[in-house]
Amino acid sequence: MCNISNYEFYKSHHICVRCGQEKAERNNTLCFRCRIKSRESALKYYNQHKEEMKETSRIKHKLRYNKLKDLGLCTSCGKRKTTNNRVICDHCRLRKNARNRKKYLLMVYAKRNLCDIRI
């Protein structure tokens, strides 16, 4: 990949933008081999810098959480206003409760006899 014009040419003609030799995968700009090489190098980099990446991610998410909390927005979606001194909006809270209820009922049905369950 030499410059932007080559990149745009390869991309518009569905040719791999990295090697310029093979046809690119559908809905991607890289061929199958280059995608595998890219994935392997990304995994290698991640494994070498795992702790640093986790720490920076933790700090970034904590800053986002505190910023949304100070603005009075939902800390889950970041879109809606919160009410009654909560940190999660009603929409996200209802979704989370439904998900937890479903998970709990699956666990209850798996462990107990159906005759013993009261709903």
N, C-alpha and C. Protein backbone atom coordinates (compact mmCIF):
# COMPACT_ATOMS: atom_id res chain seq x y z
N MET A 1 0.84 -1.17 0.00
CA MET A 1 0.00 0.00 0.00
C MET A 1 0.89 1.24 0.00
N CYS A 2 0.96 1.92 -1.12
CA CYS A 2 1.88 3.05 -1.26
C CYS A 2 1.24 4.36 -0.85
N ASN A 3 0.07 4.66 -1.38
CA ASN A 3 -0.55 5.93 -1.05
C ASN A 3 -2.07 5.80 -1.09
N ILE A 4 -2.71 6.91 -0.87
CA ILE A 4 -4.17 6.91 -0.76
C ILE A 4 -4.83 6.56 -2.09
N SER A 5 -4.29 7.04 -3.20
CA SER A 5 -4.92 6.75 -4.49
C SER A 5 -4.89 5.26 -4.81
N ASN A 6 -3.77 4.58 -4.50
CA ASN A 6 -3.72 3.12 -4.69
C ASN A 6 -4.73 2.43 -3.79
N TYR A 7 -4.82 2.87 -2.56
CA TYR A 7 -5.77 2.28 -1.62
C TYR A 7 -7.19 2.40 -2.16
N GLU A 8 -7.56 3.59 -2.60
CA GLU A 8 -8.92 3.80 -3.12
C GLU A 8 -9.16 2.97 -4.39
N PHE A 9 -8.15 2.87 -5.25
CA PHE A 9 -8.29 2.07 -6.47
C PHE A 9 -8.52 0.60 -6.12
N TYR A 10 -7.67 0.06 -5.22
CA TYR A 10 -7.82 -1.34 -4.83
C TYR A 10 -9.16 -1.59 -4.16
N LYS A 11 -9.55 -0.66 -3.32
CA LYS A 11 -10.81 -0.82 -2.59
C LYS A 11 -12.01 -0.80 -3.55
N SER A 12 -11.99 0.09 -4.52
CA SER A 12 -13.12 0.18 -5.45
C SER A 12 -13.17 -1.01 -6.41
N HIS A 13 -12.03 -1.65 -6.67
CA HIS A 13 -12.01 -2.81 -7.56
C HIS A 13 -11.99 -4.14 -6.79
N HIS A 14 -12.23 -4.08 -5.48
CA HIS A 14 -12.31 -5.27 -4.63
C HIS A 14 -11.04 -6.12 -4.67
N ILE A 15 -9.89 -5.43 -4.59
CA ILE A 15 -8.58 -6.08 -4.52
C ILE A 15 -8.03 -5.81 -3.12
N CYS A 16 -7.29 -6.78 -2.58
CA CYS A 16 -6.72 -6.63 -1.24
C CYS A 16 -5.84 -5.39 -1.19
N VAL A 17 -6.07 -4.52 -0.21
CA VAL A 17 -5.31 -3.27 -0.12
C VAL A 17 -3.94 -3.47 0.50
N ARG A 18 -3.69 -4.61 1.14
CA ARG A 18 -2.39 -4.85 1.74
C ARG A 18 -1.42 -5.46 0.72
N CYS A 19 -1.81 -6.58 0.12
CA CYS A 19 -0.89 -7.25 -0.81
C CYS A 19 -1.12 -6.82 -2.26
N GLY A 20 -2.33 -6.42 -2.61
CA GLY A 20 -2.64 -5.99 -3.97
C GLY A 20 -2.63 -7.13 -4.97
N GLN A 21 -2.67 -8.37 -4.51
CA GLN A 21 -2.56 -9.52 -5.40
C GLN A 21 -3.86 -10.29 -5.54
N GLU A 22 -4.55 -10.48 -4.45
CA GLU A 22 -5.73 -11.34 -4.46
C GLU A 22 -7.00 -10.52 -4.33
N LYS A 23 -8.10 -11.21 -4.61
CA LYS A 23 -9.41 -10.58 -4.47
C LYS A 23 -9.74 -10.45 -2.99
N ALA A 24 -10.28 -9.31 -2.61
CA ALA A 24 -10.62 -9.06 -1.22
C ALA A 24 -11.87 -9.85 -0.82
N GLU A 25 -11.95 -10.16 0.48
CA GLU A 25 -13.13 -10.84 1.01
C GLU A 25 -14.34 -9.92 0.87
N ARG A 26 -15.50 -10.52 0.85
CA ARG A 26 -16.73 -9.74 0.73
C ARG A 26 -16.90 -8.86 1.97
N ASN A 27 -17.25 -7.60 1.76
CA ASN A 27 -17.44 -6.59 2.81
C ASN A 27 -16.16 -6.32 3.60
N ASN A 28 -15.00 -6.58 3.02
CA ASN A 28 -13.72 -6.30 3.65
C ASN A 28 -12.76 -5.73 2.61
N THR A 29 -11.65 -5.19 3.09
CA THR A 29 -10.65 -4.65 2.17
C THR A 29 -9.43 -5.54 2.08
N LEU A 30 -9.40 -6.64 2.85
CA LEU A 30 -8.25 -7.54 2.84
C LEU A 30 -8.65 -8.92 2.33
N CYS A 31 -7.67 -9.61 1.75
CA CYS A 31 -7.90 -10.99 1.33
C CYS A 31 -7.84 -11.91 2.55
N PHE A 32 -8.15 -13.17 2.33
CA PHE A 32 -8.21 -14.13 3.43
C PHE A 32 -6.85 -14.27 4.12
N ARG A 33 -5.79 -14.40 3.35
CA ARG A 33 -4.45 -14.57 3.93
C ARG A 33 -4.01 -13.35 4.73
N CYS A 34 -4.24 -12.18 4.17
CA CYS A 34 -3.85 -10.95 4.88
C CYS A 34 -4.68 -10.75 6.15
N ARG A 35 -5.93 -11.16 6.13
CA ARG A 35 -6.76 -11.07 7.33
C ARG A 35 -6.22 -12.00 8.42
N ILE A 36 -5.79 -13.20 8.04
CA ILE A 36 -5.22 -14.13 9.01
C ILE A 36 -3.93 -13.56 9.59
N LYS A 37 -3.06 -13.02 8.72
CA LYS A 37 -1.80 -12.42 9.20
C LYS A 37 -2.07 -11.25 10.12
N SER A 38 -3.03 -10.43 9.76
CA SER A 38 -3.38 -9.28 10.58
C SER A 38 -3.91 -9.71 11.95
N ARG A 39 -4.74 -10.73 11.95
CA ARG A 39 -5.30 -11.24 13.21
C ARG A 39 -4.21 -11.83 14.10
N GLU A 40 -3.29 -12.59 13.49
CA GLU A 40 -2.19 -13.17 14.27
C GLU A 40 -1.30 -12.09 14.87
N SER A 41 -0.99 -11.06 14.10
CA SER A 41 -0.13 -10.00 14.64
C SER A 41 -0.87 -9.21 15.72
N ALA A 42 -2.18 -9.02 15.58
CA ALA A 42 -2.94 -8.32 16.62
C ALA A 42 -2.97 -9.14 17.90
N LEU A 43 -3.15 -10.45 17.79
CA LEU A 43 -3.14 -11.31 18.98
C LEU A 43 -1.77 -11.31 19.65
N LYS A 44 -0.72 -11.34 18.85
CA LYS A 44 0.63 -11.32 19.39
C LYS A 44 0.88 -10.02 20.15
N TYR A 45 0.47 -8.89 19.57
CA TYR A 45 0.63 -7.60 20.22
C TYR A 45 -0.19 -7.55 21.51
N TYR A 46 -1.43 -8.04 21.46
CA TYR A 46 -2.28 -8.03 22.64
C TYR A 46 -1.67 -8.86 23.76
N ASN A 47 -1.16 -10.03 23.44
CA ASN A 47 -0.57 -10.89 24.47
C ASN A 47 0.68 -10.27 25.08
N GLN A 48 1.42 -9.51 24.31
CA GLN A 48 2.62 -8.86 24.85
C GLN A 48 2.28 -7.66 25.73
N HIS A 49 1.18 -6.98 25.42
CA HIS A 49 0.82 -5.74 26.13
C HIS A 49 -0.52 -5.86 26.85
N LYS A 50 -0.88 -7.06 27.29
CA LYS A 50 -2.20 -7.31 27.87
C LYS A 50 -2.47 -6.46 29.10
N GLU A 51 -1.55 -6.43 30.04
CA GLU A 51 -1.78 -5.71 31.30
C GLU A 51 -1.90 -4.21 31.07
N GLU A 52 -1.06 -3.66 30.20
CA GLU A 52 -1.14 -2.23 29.90
C GLU A 52 -2.47 -1.88 29.26
N MET A 53 -2.92 -2.70 28.34
CA MET A 53 -4.18 -2.44 27.65
C MET A 53 -5.37 -2.55 28.60
N LYS A 54 -5.32 -3.51 29.51
CA LYS A 54 -6.39 -3.64 30.49
C LYS A 54 -6.45 -2.42 31.40
N GLU A 55 -5.28 -1.95 31.81
CA GLU A 55 -5.23 -0.80 32.71
C GLU A 55 -5.75 0.46 32.02
N THR A 56 -5.32 0.70 30.79
CA THR A 56 -5.81 1.89 30.08
C THR A 56 -7.30 1.79 29.81
N SER A 57 -7.79 0.59 29.52
CA SER A 57 -9.22 0.39 29.30
C SER A 57 -10.00 0.65 30.58
N ARG A 58 -9.47 0.17 31.70
CA ARG A 58 -10.14 0.37 32.99
C ARG A 58 -10.22 1.87 33.32
N ILE A 59 -9.13 2.58 33.10
CA ILE A 59 -9.11 4.02 33.38
C ILE A 59 -10.09 4.76 32.46
N LYS A 60 -10.10 4.39 31.19
CA LYS A 60 -10.98 5.05 30.23
C LYS A 60 -12.45 4.83 30.59
N HIS A 61 -12.81 3.59 30.96
CA HIS A 61 -14.19 3.31 31.31
C HIS A 61 -14.60 3.99 32.61
N LYS A 62 -13.67 4.11 33.55
CA LYS A 62 -13.95 4.80 34.80
C LYS A 62 -14.19 6.29 34.56
N LEU A 63 -13.39 6.90 33.68
CA LEU A 63 -13.58 8.31 33.35
C LEU A 63 -14.93 8.53 32.66
N ARG A 64 -15.28 7.62 31.74
CA ARG A 64 -16.57 7.72 31.05
C ARG A 64 -17.72 7.62 32.05
N TYR A 65 -17.63 6.66 32.95
CA TYR A 65 -18.66 6.46 33.96
C TYR A 65 -18.84 7.71 34.81
N ASN A 66 -17.74 8.26 35.32
CA ASN A 66 -17.82 9.45 36.17
C ASN A 66 -18.34 10.65 35.41
N LYS A 67 -17.93 10.81 34.15
CA LYS A 67 -18.40 11.93 33.33
C LYS A 67 -19.91 11.84 33.11
N LEU A 68 -20.41 10.65 32.75
CA LEU A 68 -21.84 10.49 32.53
C LEU A 68 -22.62 10.67 33.82
N LYS A 69 -22.08 10.20 34.92
CA LYS A 69 -22.74 10.34 36.21
C LYS A 69 -22.86 11.81 36.60
N ASP A 70 -21.79 12.59 36.38
CA ASP A 70 -21.81 14.01 36.69
C ASP A 70 -22.81 14.77 35.82
N LEU A 71 -22.95 14.34 34.56
CA LEU A 71 -23.89 15.00 33.66
C LEU A 71 -25.34 14.58 33.90
N GLY A 72 -25.54 13.55 34.71
CA GLY A 72 -26.90 13.08 34.98
C GLY A 72 -27.45 12.19 33.89
N LEU A 73 -26.55 11.59 33.10
CA LEU A 73 -26.97 10.68 32.04
C LEU A 73 -26.80 9.24 32.49
N CYS A 74 -27.46 8.34 31.79
CA CYS A 74 -27.37 6.92 32.08
C CYS A 74 -25.94 6.44 31.86
N THR A 75 -25.39 5.73 32.82
CA THR A 75 -24.02 5.24 32.69
C THR A 75 -23.93 3.99 31.83
N SER A 76 -25.07 3.40 31.50
CA SER A 76 -25.08 2.22 30.66
C SER A 76 -25.12 2.59 29.18
N CYS A 77 -26.11 3.40 28.79
CA CYS A 77 -26.25 3.76 27.38
C CYS A 77 -25.67 5.14 27.07
N GLY A 78 -25.66 6.04 28.04
CA GLY A 78 -25.12 7.38 27.84
C GLY A 78 -26.05 8.30 27.08
N LYS A 79 -27.30 7.91 26.89
CA LYS A 79 -28.22 8.69 26.06
C LYS A 79 -29.29 9.41 26.88
N ARG A 80 -29.93 8.70 27.79
CA ARG A 80 -31.10 9.22 28.47
C ARG A 80 -30.75 9.78 29.85
N LYS A 81 -31.60 10.69 30.31
CA LYS A 81 -31.46 11.26 31.65
C LYS A 81 -31.89 10.23 32.69
N THR A 82 -31.28 10.32 33.87
CA THR A 82 -31.65 9.43 34.96
C THR A 82 -32.64 10.14 35.87
N THR A 83 -33.36 9.35 36.68
CA THR A 83 -34.33 9.91 37.61
C THR A 83 -34.11 9.32 38.99
N ASN A 84 -34.59 10.01 40.00
CA ASN A 84 -34.58 9.55 41.39
C ASN A 84 -33.17 9.17 41.88
N ASN A 85 -32.19 9.97 41.55
CA ASN A 85 -30.80 9.76 42.01
C ASN A 85 -30.24 8.39 41.63
N ARG A 86 -30.64 7.88 40.51
CA ARG A 86 -30.09 6.62 40.01
C ARG A 86 -29.00 6.93 38.99
N VAL A 87 -28.22 5.91 38.65
CA VAL A 87 -27.18 6.11 37.65
C VAL A 87 -27.55 5.44 36.33
N ILE A 88 -28.64 4.66 36.31
CA ILE A 88 -29.09 3.99 35.10
C ILE A 88 -30.50 4.48 34.78
N CYS A 89 -30.79 4.73 33.52
CA CYS A 89 -32.11 5.20 33.11
C CYS A 89 -33.14 4.08 33.26
N ASP A 90 -34.42 4.45 33.19
CA ASP A 90 -35.49 3.47 33.36
C ASP A 90 -35.47 2.41 32.26
N HIS A 91 -35.17 2.81 31.05
CA HIS A 91 -35.16 1.86 29.93
C HIS A 91 -34.09 0.79 30.14
N CYS A 92 -32.87 1.19 30.46
CA CYS A 92 -31.78 0.23 30.69
C CYS A 92 -32.04 -0.61 31.94
N ARG A 93 -32.63 0.01 32.96
CA ARG A 93 -32.92 -0.71 34.19
C ARG A 93 -33.95 -1.81 33.94
N LEU A 94 -34.99 -1.51 33.16
CA LEU A 94 -36.00 -2.53 32.84
C LEU A 94 -35.41 -3.66 32.01
N ARG A 95 -34.56 -3.31 31.05
CA ARG A 95 -33.91 -4.35 30.23
C ARG A 95 -33.01 -5.24 31.09
N LYS A 96 -32.24 -4.62 31.98
CA LYS A 96 -31.34 -5.37 32.84
C LYS A 96 -32.13 -6.27 33.79
N ASN A 97 -33.21 -5.76 34.36
CA ASN A 97 -34.04 -6.56 35.26
C ASN A 97 -34.67 -7.74 34.53
N ALA A 98 -35.14 -7.52 33.32
CA ALA A 98 -35.74 -8.62 32.54
C ALA A 98 -34.70 -9.69 32.22
N ARG A 99 -33.50 -9.26 31.86
CA ARG A 99 -32.43 -10.21 31.57
C ARG A 99 -32.06 -11.02 32.81
N ASN A 100 -31.94 -10.34 33.95
CA ASN A 100 -31.60 -11.03 35.19
C ASN A 100 -32.73 -11.96 35.63
N ARG A 101 -33.98 -11.55 35.44
CA ARG A 101 -35.11 -12.38 35.80
C ARG A 101 -35.13 -13.65 34.96
N LYS A 102 -34.88 -13.49 33.67
CA LYS A 102 -34.85 -14.66 32.77
C LYS A 102 -33.73 -15.61 33.17
N LYS A 103 -32.57 -15.06 33.48
CA LYS A 103 -31.43 -15.88 33.89
C LYS A 103 -31.73 -16.61 35.20
N TYR A 104 -32.38 -15.91 36.13
CA TYR A 104 -32.73 -16.53 37.41
C TYR A 104 -33.74 -17.66 37.20
N LEU A 105 -34.75 -17.43 36.38
CA LEU A 105 -35.75 -18.47 36.14
C LEU A 105 -35.14 -19.68 35.46
N LEU A 106 -34.22 -19.48 34.55
CA LEU A 106 -33.54 -20.62 33.93
C LEU A 106 -32.76 -21.42 34.96
N MET A 107 -32.12 -20.71 35.88
CA MET A 107 -31.37 -21.39 36.93
C MET A 107 -32.31 -22.13 37.86
N VAL A 108 -33.45 -21.53 38.21
CA VAL A 108 -34.42 -22.16 39.10
C VAL A 108 -34.99 -23.41 38.46
N TYR A 109 -35.38 -23.32 37.19
CA TYR A 109 -35.96 -24.47 36.50
C TYR A 109 -34.95 -25.60 36.35
N ALA A 110 -33.69 -25.26 36.24
CA ALA A 110 -32.66 -26.29 36.09
C ALA A 110 -32.39 -27.02 37.40
N LYS A 111 -32.54 -26.33 38.55
CA LYS A 111 -32.16 -26.93 39.82
C LYS A 111 -33.32 -27.56 40.58
N ARG A 112 -34.54 -27.08 40.38
CA ARG A 112 -35.66 -27.55 41.17
C ARG A 112 -36.65 -28.36 40.35
N ASN A 113 -37.49 -29.04 41.06
CA ASN A 113 -38.59 -29.76 40.44
C ASN A 113 -39.69 -28.76 40.07
N LEU A 114 -40.36 -28.94 38.97
CA LEU A 114 -41.38 -27.99 38.52
C LEU A 114 -42.53 -27.87 39.50
N CYS A 115 -42.82 -28.92 40.26
CA CYS A 115 -43.93 -28.90 41.22
C CYS A 115 -43.61 -27.99 42.40
N ASP A 116 -42.34 -27.76 42.72
CA ASP A 116 -41.95 -26.98 43.88
C ASP A 116 -41.85 -25.49 43.62
N ILE A 117 -41.93 -25.08 42.37
CA ILE A 117 -41.68 -23.68 42.00
C ILE A 117 -42.97 -22.87 42.13
N ARG A 118 -42.88 -21.74 42.83
CA ARG A 118 -43.98 -20.79 42.93
C ARG A 118 -43.58 -19.54 42.19
N ILE A 119 -44.47 -19.06 41.35
CA ILE A 119 -44.17 -17.84 40.60
C ILE A 119 -45.13 -16.75 40.98
